[in-house]
Amino acid sequence: GMVGKNSVMNNTIGDIKIDNGFAKGQLLVSGQPTEIYMHF
């Protein structure tokens, strides 16, 4: 449980920008956009 469940529980990925083999997905918390982008 060191990787917090609350860090993912209400989160989804919204807007995604792809550049070749790299992508940035905007983190939504409870459906609301945040300023955080996850990298893929």
PDB file of all heavy atoms in Angstrom:
ATOM      1  N   GLY A   1       0.794  -1.222   0.000  1.00  0.00           N
ATOM      2  CA  GLY A   1       0.000   0.000   0.000  1.00  0.00           C
ATOM      3  C   GLY A   1       0.827   1.272   0.000  1.00  0.00           C
ATOM      4  O   GLY A   1       0.341   2.340   0.352  1.00  0.00           O
ATOM      5  N   MET A   2       2.115   1.156  -0.396  1.00  0.00           N
ATOM      6  CA  MET A   2       2.962   2.353  -0.417  1.00  0.00           C
ATOM      7  C   MET A   2       2.698   3.215  -1.642  1.00  0.00           C
ATOM      8  O   MET A   2       3.086   4.372  -1.699  1.00  0.00           O
ATOM      9  CB  MET A   2       4.442   1.951  -0.382  1.00  0.00           C
ATOM     10  CG  MET A   2       4.877   1.411   0.967  1.00  0.00           C
ATOM     11  SD  MET A   2       6.456   0.533   0.883  1.00  0.00           S
ATOM     12  CE  MET A   2       7.517   1.790   0.197  1.00  0.00           C
ATOM     13  N   VAL A   3       2.086   2.614  -2.661  1.00  0.00           N
ATOM     14  CA  VAL A   3       1.661   3.407  -3.819  1.00  0.00           C
ATOM     15  C   VAL A   3       0.190   3.717  -3.555  1.00  0.00           C
ATOM     16  O   VAL A   3      -0.661   2.843  -3.633  1.00  0.00           O
ATOM     17  CB  VAL A   3       1.844   2.619  -5.134  1.00  0.00           C
ATOM     18  CG1 VAL A   3       1.342   3.415  -6.322  1.00  0.00           C
ATOM     19  CG2 VAL A   3       3.311   2.247  -5.323  1.00  0.00           C
ATOM     20  N   GLY A   4      -0.073   4.943  -3.173  1.00  0.00           N
ATOM     21  CA  GLY A   4      -1.378   5.286  -2.606  1.00  0.00           C
ATOM     22  C   GLY A   4      -2.562   5.045  -3.527  1.00  0.00           C
ATOM     23  O   GLY A   4      -2.566   5.460  -4.677  1.00  0.00           O
ATOM     24  N   LYS A   5      -3.573   4.378  -2.991  1.00  0.00           N
ATOM     25  CA  LYS A   5      -4.797   4.149  -3.765  1.00  0.00           C
ATOM     26  C   LYS A   5      -5.518   5.464  -4.048  1.00  0.00           C
ATOM     27  O   LYS A   5      -6.125   5.634  -5.093  1.00  0.00           O
ATOM     28  CB  LYS A   5      -5.727   3.205  -3.011  1.00  0.00           C
ATOM     29  CG  LYS A   5      -5.139   1.840  -2.858  1.00  0.00           C
ATOM     30  CD  LYS A   5      -6.087   0.868  -2.203  1.00  0.00           C
ATOM     31  CE  LYS A   5      -5.385  -0.473  -2.105  1.00  0.00           C
ATOM     32  NZ  LYS A   5      -6.231  -1.532  -1.646  1.00  0.00           N
ATOM     33  N   ASN A   6      -5.395   6.381  -3.079  1.00  0.00           N
ATOM     34  CA  ASN A   6      -6.082   7.668  -3.280  1.00  0.00           C
ATOM     35  C   ASN A   6      -5.440   8.456  -4.423  1.00  0.00           C
ATOM     36  O   ASN A   6      -6.021   9.386  -4.946  1.00  0.00           O
ATOM     37  CB  ASN A   6      -6.090   8.492  -1.982  1.00  0.00           C
ATOM     38  CG  ASN A   6      -4.695   8.675  -1.421  1.00  0.00           C
ATOM     39  OD1 ASN A   6      -3.747   8.064  -1.901  1.00  0.00           O
ATOM     40  ND2 ASN A   6      -4.571   9.499  -0.400  1.00  0.00           N
ATOM     41  N   SER A   7      -4.213   8.033  -4.832  1.00  0.00           N
ATOM     42  CA  SER A   7      -3.577   8.735  -5.950  1.00  0.00           C
ATOM     43  C   SER A   7      -4.198   8.324  -7.283  1.00  0.00           C
ATOM     44  O   SER A   7      -3.957   8.948  -8.300  1.00  0.00           O
ATOM     45  CB  SER A   7      -2.071   8.454  -5.969  1.00  0.00           C
ATOM     46  OG  SER A   7      -1.828   7.102  -6.311  1.00  0.00           O
ATOM     47  N   VAL A   8      -4.975   7.251  -7.284  1.00  0.00           N
ATOM     48  CA  VAL A   8      -5.614   6.836  -8.550  1.00  0.00           C
ATOM     49  C   VAL A   8      -7.130   6.727  -8.472  1.00  0.00           C
ATOM     50  O   VAL A   8      -7.808   6.762  -9.493  1.00  0.00           O
ATOM     51  CB  VAL A   8      -5.065   5.462  -9.046  1.00  0.00           C
ATOM     52  CG1 VAL A   8      -3.607   5.561  -9.433  1.00  0.00           C
ATOM     53  CG2 VAL A   8      -5.289   4.356  -8.025  1.00  0.00           C
ATOM     54  N   MET A   9      -7.657   6.599  -7.259  1.00  0.00           N
ATOM     55  CA  MET A   9      -9.063   6.211  -7.090  1.00  0.00           C
ATOM     56  C   MET A   9     -10.063   6.967  -7.963  1.00  0.00           C
ATOM     57  O   MET A   9     -10.831   6.364  -8.687  1.00  0.00           O
ATOM     58  CB  MET A   9      -9.458   6.332  -5.624  1.00  0.00           C
ATOM     59  CG  MET A   9     -10.722   5.562  -5.337  1.00  0.00           C
ATOM     60  SD  MET A   9     -11.054   5.377  -3.592  1.00  0.00           S
ATOM     61  CE  MET A   9      -9.587   4.728  -2.887  1.00  0.00           C
ATOM     62  N   ASN A  10     -10.037   8.301  -7.894  1.00  0.00           N
ATOM     63  CA  ASN A  10     -11.026   9.082  -8.656  1.00  0.00           C
ATOM     64  C   ASN A  10     -10.450   9.658  -9.941  1.00  0.00           C
ATOM     65  O   ASN A  10     -10.985  10.592 -10.511  1.00  0.00           O
ATOM     66  CB  ASN A  10     -11.561  10.220  -7.789  1.00  0.00           C
ATOM     67  CG  ASN A  10     -12.185   9.681  -6.522  1.00  0.00           C
ATOM     68  OD1 ASN A  10     -12.968   8.740  -6.582  1.00  0.00           O
ATOM     69  ND2 ASN A  10     -11.816  10.224  -5.378  1.00  0.00           N
ATOM     70  N   ASN A  11      -9.313   9.108 -10.357  1.00  0.00           N
ATOM     71  CA  ASN A  11      -8.611   9.695 -11.496  1.00  0.00           C
ATOM     72  C   ASN A  11      -8.874   8.966 -12.804  1.00  0.00           C
ATOM     73  O   ASN A  11      -8.979   7.741 -12.829  1.00  0.00           O
ATOM     74  CB  ASN A  11      -7.100   9.700 -11.235  1.00  0.00           C
ATOM     75  CG  ASN A  11      -6.737  10.541 -10.025  1.00  0.00           C
ATOM     76  OD1 ASN A  11      -7.607  11.142  -9.404  1.00  0.00           O
ATOM     77  ND2 ASN A  11      -5.473  10.588  -9.693  1.00  0.00           N
ATOM     78  N   THR A  12      -8.957   9.751 -13.849  1.00  0.00           N
ATOM     79  CA  THR A  12      -9.028   9.203 -15.206  1.00  0.00           C
ATOM     80  C   THR A  12      -8.165  10.096 -16.090  1.00  0.00           C
ATOM     81  O   THR A  12      -7.692  11.145 -15.652  1.00  0.00           O
ATOM     82  CB  THR A  12     -10.478   9.195 -15.752  1.00  0.00           C
ATOM     83  OG1 THR A  12     -11.064  10.488 -15.520  1.00  0.00           O
ATOM     84  CG2 THR A  12     -11.337   8.129 -15.105  1.00  0.00           C
ATOM     85  N   ILE A  13      -7.989   9.665 -17.324  1.00  0.00           N
ATOM     86  CA  ILE A  13      -7.200  10.457 -18.265  1.00  0.00           C
ATOM     87  C   ILE A  13      -8.142  11.138 -19.248  1.00  0.00           C
ATOM     88  O   ILE A  13      -9.020  10.496 -19.816  1.00  0.00           O
ATOM     89  CB  ILE A  13      -6.194   9.555 -19.033  1.00  0.00           C
ATOM     90  CG1 ILE A  13      -5.182   8.945 -18.067  1.00  0.00           C
ATOM     91  CG2 ILE A  13      -5.472  10.342 -20.129  1.00  0.00           C
ATOM     92  CD1 ILE A  13      -4.224   9.919 -17.416  1.00  0.00           C
ATOM     93  N   GLY A  14      -7.960  12.439 -19.398  1.00  0.00           N
ATOM     94  CA  GLY A  14      -8.806  13.207 -20.309  1.00  0.00           C
ATOM     95  C   GLY A  14      -8.124  13.425 -21.645  1.00  0.00           C
ATOM     96  O   GLY A  14      -7.807  12.483 -22.357  1.00  0.00           O
ATOM     97  N   ASP A  15      -7.844  14.676 -21.941  1.00  0.00           N
ATOM     98  CA  ASP A  15      -7.245  15.071 -23.212  1.00  0.00           C
ATOM     99  C   ASP A  15      -5.853  14.450 -23.383  1.00  0.00           C
ATOM    100  O   ASP A  15      -5.031  14.512 -22.470  1.00  0.00           O
ATOM    101  CB  ASP A  15      -7.154  16.610 -23.228  1.00  0.00           C
ATOM    102  CG  ASP A  15      -6.737  17.111 -24.589  1.00  0.00           C
ATOM    103  OD1 ASP A  15      -7.214  16.549 -25.587  1.00  0.00           O
ATOM    104  OD2 ASP A  15      -5.898  18.038 -24.648  1.00  0.00           O
ATOM    105  N   ILE A  16      -5.599  13.859 -24.546  1.00  0.00           N
ATOM    106  CA  ILE A  16      -4.301  13.210 -24.790  1.00  0.00           C
ATOM    107  C   ILE A  16      -3.632  13.809 -26.021  1.00  0.00           C
ATOM    108  O   ILE A  16      -4.268  13.982 -27.058  1.00  0.00           O
ATOM    109  CB  ILE A  16      -4.482  11.687 -25.013  1.00  0.00           C
ATOM    110  CG1 ILE A  16      -5.051  11.044 -23.750  1.00  0.00           C
ATOM    111  CG2 ILE A  16      -3.159  11.031 -25.400  1.00  0.00           C
ATOM    112  CD1 ILE A  16      -5.493   9.601 -23.934  1.00  0.00           C
ATOM    113  N   LYS A  17      -2.348  14.134 -25.875  1.00  0.00           N
ATOM    114  CA  LYS A  17      -1.558  14.603 -27.021  1.00  0.00           C
ATOM    115  C   LYS A  17      -0.466  13.576 -27.278  1.00  0.00           C
ATOM    116  O   LYS A  17       0.279  13.201 -26.368  1.00  0.00           O
ATOM    117  CB  LYS A  17      -0.923  15.963 -26.706  1.00  0.00           C
ATOM    118  CG  LYS A  17      -1.930  17.094 -26.625  1.00  0.00           C
ATOM    119  CD  LYS A  17      -1.262  18.425 -26.265  1.00  0.00           C
ATOM    120  CE  LYS A  17      -2.268  19.573 -26.277  1.00  0.00           C
ATOM    121  NZ  LYS A  17      -3.412  19.354 -25.371  1.00  0.00           N
ATOM    122  N   ILE A  18      -0.383  13.130 -28.544  1.00  0.00           N
ATOM    123  CA  ILE A  18       0.601  12.101 -28.896  1.00  0.00           C
ATOM    124  C   ILE A  18       1.648  12.685 -29.834  1.00  0.00           C
ATOM    125  O   ILE A  18       1.320  13.406 -30.777  1.00  0.00           O
ATOM    126  CB  ILE A  18      -0.098  10.899 -29.582  1.00  0.00           C
ATOM    127  CG1 ILE A  18      -1.121  10.280 -28.621  1.00  0.00           C
ATOM    128  CG2 ILE A  18       0.925   9.850 -30.019  1.00  0.00           C
ATOM    129  CD1 ILE A  18      -1.973   9.193 -29.230  1.00  0.00           C
ATOM    130  N   ASP A  19       2.904  12.373 -29.548  1.00  0.00           N
ATOM    131  CA  ASP A  19       3.996  12.798 -30.414  1.00  0.00           C
ATOM    132  C   ASP A  19       4.905  11.591 -30.616  1.00  0.00           C
ATOM    133  O   ASP A  19       5.719  11.260 -29.748  1.00  0.00           O
ATOM    134  CB  ASP A  19       4.759  13.955 -29.739  1.00  0.00           C
ATOM    135  CG  ASP A  19       5.865  14.503 -30.636  1.00  0.00           C
ATOM    136  OD1 ASP A  19       5.942  14.069 -31.801  1.00  0.00           O
ATOM    137  OD2 ASP A  19       6.647  15.347 -30.159  1.00  0.00           O
ATOM    138  N   ASN A  20       4.742  10.900 -31.724  1.00  0.00           N
ATOM    139  CA  ASN A  20       5.450   9.646 -31.989  1.00  0.00           C
ATOM    140  C   ASN A  20       5.214   8.654 -30.854  1.00  0.00           C
ATOM    141  O   ASN A  20       4.089   8.340 -30.551  1.00  0.00           O
ATOM    142  CB  ASN A  20       6.942   9.896 -32.222  1.00  0.00           C
ATOM    143  CG  ASN A  20       7.158  10.614 -33.560  1.00  0.00           C
ATOM    144  OD1 ASN A  20       6.443  10.354 -34.520  1.00  0.00           O
ATOM    145  ND2 ASN A  20       8.109  11.516 -33.614  1.00  0.00           N
ATOM    146  N   GLY A  21       6.303   8.227 -30.199  1.00  0.00           N
ATOM    147  CA  GLY A  21       6.141   7.214 -29.154  1.00  0.00           C
ATOM    148  C   GLY A  21       5.954   7.791 -27.772  1.00  0.00           C
ATOM    149  O   GLY A  21       6.116   7.108 -26.759  1.00  0.00           O
ATOM    150  N   PHE A  22       5.618   9.080 -27.711  1.00  0.00           N
ATOM    151  CA  PHE A  22       5.421   9.744 -26.415  1.00  0.00           C
ATOM    152  C   PHE A  22       4.023  10.353 -26.378  1.00  0.00           C
ATOM    153  O   PHE A  22       3.526  10.853 -27.377  1.00  0.00           O
ATOM    154  CB  PHE A  22       6.476  10.854 -26.235  1.00  0.00           C
ATOM    155  CG  PHE A  22       6.212  11.769 -25.070  1.00  0.00           C
ATOM    156  CD1 PHE A  22       6.384  11.330 -23.766  1.00  0.00           C
ATOM    157  CD2 PHE A  22       5.769  13.065 -25.280  1.00  0.00           C
ATOM    158  CE1 PHE A  22       6.124  12.174 -22.686  1.00  0.00           C
ATOM    159  CE2 PHE A  22       5.509  13.924 -24.206  1.00  0.00           C
ATOM    160  CZ  PHE A  22       5.690  13.464 -22.911  1.00  0.00           C
ATOM    161  N   ALA A  23       3.386  10.313 -25.212  1.00  0.00           N
ATOM    162  CA  ALA A  23       2.066  10.937 -25.091  1.00  0.00           C
ATOM    163  C   ALA A  23       1.918  11.583 -23.718  1.00  0.00           C
ATOM    164  O   ALA A  23       2.520  11.153 -22.742  1.00  0.00           O
ATOM    165  CB  ALA A  23       0.972   9.889 -25.278  1.00  0.00           C
ATOM    166  N   LYS A  24       1.116  12.653 -23.696  1.00  0.00           N
ATOM    167  CA  LYS A  24       0.775  13.321 -22.438  1.00  0.00           C
ATOM    168  C   LYS A  24      -0.731  13.244 -22.285  1.00  0.00           C
ATOM    169  O   LYS A  24      -1.474  13.611 -23.188  1.00  0.00           O
ATOM    170  CB  LYS A  24       1.168  14.806 -22.518  1.00  0.00           C
ATOM    171  CG  LYS A  24       2.592  15.062 -22.124  1.00  0.00           C
ATOM    172  CD  LYS A  24       3.084  16.486 -22.225  1.00  0.00           C
ATOM    173  CE  LYS A  24       2.099  17.611 -22.253  1.00  0.00           C
ATOM    174  NZ  LYS A  24       2.794  18.919 -22.156  1.00  0.00           N
ATOM    175  N   GLY A  25      -1.169  12.747 -21.135  1.00  0.00           N
ATOM    176  CA  GLY A  25      -2.605  12.660 -20.881  1.00  0.00           C
ATOM    177  C   GLY A  25      -2.972  13.514 -19.690  1.00  0.00           C
ATOM    178  O   GLY A  25      -2.347  13.423 -18.631  1.00  0.00           O
ATOM    179  N   GLN A  26      -3.971  14.376 -19.892  1.00  0.00           N
ATOM    180  CA  GLN A  26      -4.378  15.251 -18.789  1.00  0.00           C
ATOM    181  C   GLN A  26      -5.095  14.444 -17.712  1.00  0.00           C
ATOM    182  O   GLN A  26      -5.984  13.646 -18.000  1.00  0.00           O
ATOM    183  CB  GLN A  26      -5.310  16.350 -19.302  1.00  0.00           C
ATOM    184  CG  GLN A  26      -5.605  17.407 -18.243  1.00  0.00           C
ATOM    185  CD  GLN A  26      -6.386  18.582 -18.792  1.00  0.00           C
ATOM    186  OE1 GLN A  26      -7.146  18.431 -19.738  1.00  0.00           O
ATOM    187  NE2 GLN A  26      -6.200  19.754 -18.209  1.00  0.00           N
ATOM    188  N   LEU A  27      -4.679  14.664 -16.475  1.00  0.00           N
ATOM    189  CA  LEU A  27      -5.277  13.943 -15.360  1.00  0.00           C
ATOM    190  C   LEU A  27      -6.592  14.615 -14.968  1.00  0.00           C
ATOM    191  O   LEU A  27      -6.629  15.819 -14.729  1.00  0.00           O
ATOM    192  CB  LEU A  27      -4.311  13.944 -14.180  1.00  0.00           C
ATOM    193  CG  LEU A  27      -4.582  12.920 -13.081  1.00  0.00           C
ATOM    194  CD1 LEU A  27      -4.440  11.499 -13.612  1.00  0.00           C
ATOM    195  CD2 LEU A  27      -3.626  13.141 -11.920  1.00  0.00           C
ATOM    196  N   LEU A  28      -7.649  13.813 -14.927  1.00  0.00           N
ATOM    197  CA  LEU A  28      -8.940  14.309 -14.436  1.00  0.00           C
ATOM    198  C   LEU A  28      -9.174  13.709 -13.055  1.00  0.00           C
ATOM    199  O   LEU A  28      -8.968  12.518 -12.848  1.00  0.00           O
ATOM    200  CB  LEU A  28     -10.081  13.856 -15.358  1.00  0.00           C
ATOM    201  CG  LEU A  28      -9.967  14.160 -16.852  1.00  0.00           C
ATOM    202  CD1 LEU A  28     -11.215  13.669 -17.575  1.00  0.00           C
ATOM    203  CD2 LEU A  28      -9.786  15.651 -17.105  1.00  0.00           C
ATOM    204  N   VAL A  29      -9.559  14.550 -12.117  1.00  0.00           N
ATOM    205  CA  VAL A  29      -9.897  14.056 -10.788  1.00  0.00           C
ATOM    206  C   VAL A  29     -11.391  14.259 -10.591  1.00  0.00           C
ATOM    207  O   VAL A  29     -11.882  15.380 -10.690  1.00  0.00           O
ATOM    208  CB  VAL A  29      -9.085  14.790  -9.698  1.00  0.00           C
ATOM    209  CG1 VAL A  29      -9.498  14.319  -8.312  1.00  0.00           C
ATOM    210  CG2 VAL A  29      -7.589  14.562  -9.901  1.00  0.00           C
ATOM    211  N   SER A  30     -12.080  13.145 -10.372  1.00  0.00           N
ATOM    212  CA  SER A  30     -13.555  13.160 -10.300  1.00  0.00           C
ATOM    213  C   SER A  30     -14.139  13.892 -11.513  1.00  0.00           C
ATOM    214  O   SER A  30     -15.082  14.673 -11.388  1.00  0.00           O
ATOM    215  CB  SER A  30     -14.025  13.826  -9.004  1.00  0.00           C
ATOM    216  OG  SER A  30     -13.440  13.190  -7.897  1.00  0.00           O
ATOM    217  N   GLY A  31     -13.547  13.644 -12.668  1.00  0.00           N
ATOM    218  CA  GLY A  31     -14.058  14.214 -13.917  1.00  0.00           C
ATOM    219  C   GLY A  31     -13.622  15.641 -14.199  1.00  0.00           C
ATOM    220  O   GLY A  31     -13.876  16.170 -15.272  1.00  0.00           O
ATOM    221  N   GLN A  32     -12.942  16.268 -13.225  1.00  0.00           N
ATOM    222  CA  GLN A  32     -12.513  17.664 -13.411  1.00  0.00           C
ATOM    223  C   GLN A  32     -11.056  17.718 -13.885  1.00  0.00           C
ATOM    224  O   GLN A  32     -10.197  17.068 -13.299  1.00  0.00           O
ATOM    225  CB  GLN A  32     -12.626  18.437 -12.077  1.00  0.00           C
ATOM    226  CG  GLN A  32     -14.043  18.575 -11.568  1.00  0.00           C
ATOM    227  CD  GLN A  32     -14.970  19.244 -12.566  1.00  0.00           C
ATOM    228  OE1 GLN A  32     -14.668  20.294 -13.103  1.00  0.00           O
ATOM    229  NE2 GLN A  32     -16.105  18.597 -12.834  1.00  0.00           N
ATOM    230  N   PRO A  33     -10.788  18.499 -14.945  1.00  0.00           N
ATOM    231  CA  PRO A  33      -9.408  18.596 -15.440  1.00  0.00           C
ATOM    232  C   PRO A  33      -8.480  19.236 -14.408  1.00  0.00           C
ATOM    233  O   PRO A  33      -8.891  20.127 -13.657  1.00  0.00           O
ATOM    234  CB  PRO A  33      -9.509  19.487 -16.673  1.00  0.00           C
ATOM    235  CG  PRO A  33     -10.923  19.862 -16.827  1.00  0.00           C
ATOM    236  CD  PRO A  33     -11.733  19.282 -15.720  1.00  0.00           C
ATOM    237  N   THR A  34      -7.247  18.742 -14.340  1.00  0.00           N
ATOM    238  CA  THR A  34      -6.236  19.332 -13.461  1.00  0.00           C
ATOM    239  C   THR A  34      -5.121  19.875 -14.358  1.00  0.00           C
ATOM    240  O   THR A  34      -5.156  19.699 -15.570  1.00  0.00           O
ATOM    241  CB  THR A  34      -5.632  18.276 -12.521  1.00  0.00           C
ATOM    242  OG1 THR A  34      -4.908  17.321 -13.322  1.00  0.00           O
ATOM    243  CG2 THR A  34      -6.695  17.556 -11.718  1.00  0.00           C
ATOM    244  N   GLU A  35      -4.126  20.483 -13.731  1.00  0.00           N
ATOM    245  CA  GLU A  35      -2.976  20.964 -14.502  1.00  0.00           C
ATOM    246  C   GLU A  35      -1.906  19.883 -14.637  1.00  0.00           C
ATOM    247  O   GLU A  35      -0.830  20.109 -15.160  1.00  0.00           O
ATOM    248  CB  GLU A  35      -2.384  22.210 -13.823  1.00  0.00           C
ATOM    249  CG  GLU A  35      -3.294  23.421 -13.957  1.00  0.00           C
ATOM    250  CD  GLU A  35      -2.751  24.640 -13.235  1.00  0.00           C
ATOM    251  OE1 GLU A  35      -1.623  24.573 -12.705  1.00  0.00           O
ATOM    252  OE2 GLU A  35      -3.457  25.655 -13.210  1.00  0.00           O
ATOM    253  N   ILE A  36      -2.228  18.696 -14.158  1.00  0.00           N
ATOM    254  CA  ILE A  36      -1.249  17.599 -14.167  1.00  0.00           C
ATOM    255  C   ILE A  36      -1.403  16.757 -15.429  1.00  0.00           C
ATOM    256  O   ILE A  36      -2.516  16.410 -15.823  1.00  0.00           O
ATOM    257  CB  ILE A  36      -1.447  16.706 -12.920  1.00  0.00           C
ATOM    258  CG1 ILE A  36      -1.260  17.539 -11.643  1.00  0.00           C
ATOM    259  CG2 ILE A  36      -0.494  15.512 -12.934  1.00  0.00           C
ATOM    260  CD1 ILE A  36      -1.696  16.839 -10.377  1.00  0.00           C
ATOM    261  N   TYR A  37      -0.275  16.454 -16.037  1.00  0.00           N
ATOM    262  CA  TYR A  37      -0.266  15.564 -17.205  1.00  0.00           C
ATOM    263  C   TYR A  37       0.558  14.330 -16.900  1.00  0.00           C
ATOM    264  O   TYR A  37       1.688  14.434 -16.444  1.00  0.00           O
ATOM    265  CB  TYR A  37       0.317  16.278 -18.433  1.00  0.00           C
ATOM    266  CG  TYR A  37      -0.655  17.233 -19.073  1.00  0.00           C
ATOM    267  CD1 TYR A  37      -0.827  18.514 -18.582  1.00  0.00           C
ATOM    268  CD2 TYR A  37      -1.436  16.836 -20.161  1.00  0.00           C
ATOM    269  CE1 TYR A  37      -1.741  19.396 -19.150  1.00  0.00           C
ATOM    270  CE2 TYR A  37      -2.356  17.703 -20.748  1.00  0.00           C
ATOM    271  CZ  TYR A  37      -2.501  18.980 -20.231  1.00  0.00           C
ATOM    272  OH  TYR A  37      -3.421  19.833 -20.800  1.00  0.00           O
ATOM    273  N   MET A  38      -0.019  13.164 -17.124  1.00  0.00           N
ATOM    274  CA  MET A  38       0.730  11.915 -16.982  1.00  0.00           C
ATOM    275  C   MET A  38       1.467  11.674 -18.292  1.00  0.00           C
ATOM    276  O   MET A  38       0.919  11.939 -19.361  1.00  0.00           O
ATOM    277  CB  MET A  38      -0.231  10.737 -16.750  1.00  0.00           C
ATOM    278  CG  MET A  38      -1.096  10.826 -15.540  1.00  0.00           C
ATOM    279  SD  MET A  38      -0.319  10.342 -13.994  1.00  0.00           S
ATOM    280  CE  MET A  38       0.133   8.657 -14.247  1.00  0.00           C
ATOM    281  N   HIS A  39       2.672  11.135 -18.208  1.00  0.00           N
ATOM    282  CA  HIS A  39       3.433  10.818 -19.413  1.00  0.00           C
ATOM    283  C   HIS A  39       3.329   9.327 -19.724  1.00  0.00           C
ATOM    284  O   HIS A  39       3.324   8.493 -18.820  1.00  0.00           O
ATOM    285  CB  HIS A  39       4.907  11.194 -19.230  1.00  0.00           C
ATOM    286  CG  HIS A  39       5.123  12.671 -19.140  1.00  0.00           C
ATOM    287  ND1 HIS A  39       6.363  13.237 -19.005  1.00  0.00           N
ATOM    288  CD2 HIS A  39       4.254  13.715 -19.159  1.00  0.00           C
ATOM    289  CE1 HIS A  39       6.257  14.560 -18.963  1.00  0.00           C
ATOM    290  NE2 HIS A  39       4.976  14.865 -19.039  1.00  0.00           N
ATOM    291  N   PHE A  40       3.252   9.044 -21.005  1.00  0.00           N
ATOM    292  CA  PHE A  40       3.183   7.653 -21.476  1.00  0.00           C
ATOM    293  C   PHE A  40       4.211   7.464 -22.582  1.00  0.00           C
ATOM    294  O   PHE A  40       4.433   8.373 -23.388  1.00  0.00           O
ATOM    295  CB  PHE A  40       1.791   7.336 -22.052  1.00  0.00           C
ATOM    296  CG  PHE A  40       0.675   7.439 -21.052  1.00  0.00           C
ATOM    297  CD1 PHE A  40       0.097   8.665 -20.741  1.00  0.00           C
ATOM    298  CD2 PHE A  40       0.193   6.304 -20.411  1.00  0.00           C
ATOM    299  CE1 PHE A  40      -0.935   8.774 -19.820  1.00  0.00           C
ATOM    300  CE2 PHE A  40      -0.844   6.399 -19.472  1.00  0.00           C
ATOM    301  CZ  PHE A  40      -1.404   7.633 -19.191  1.00  0.00           C
TER     302      PHE A  40
END
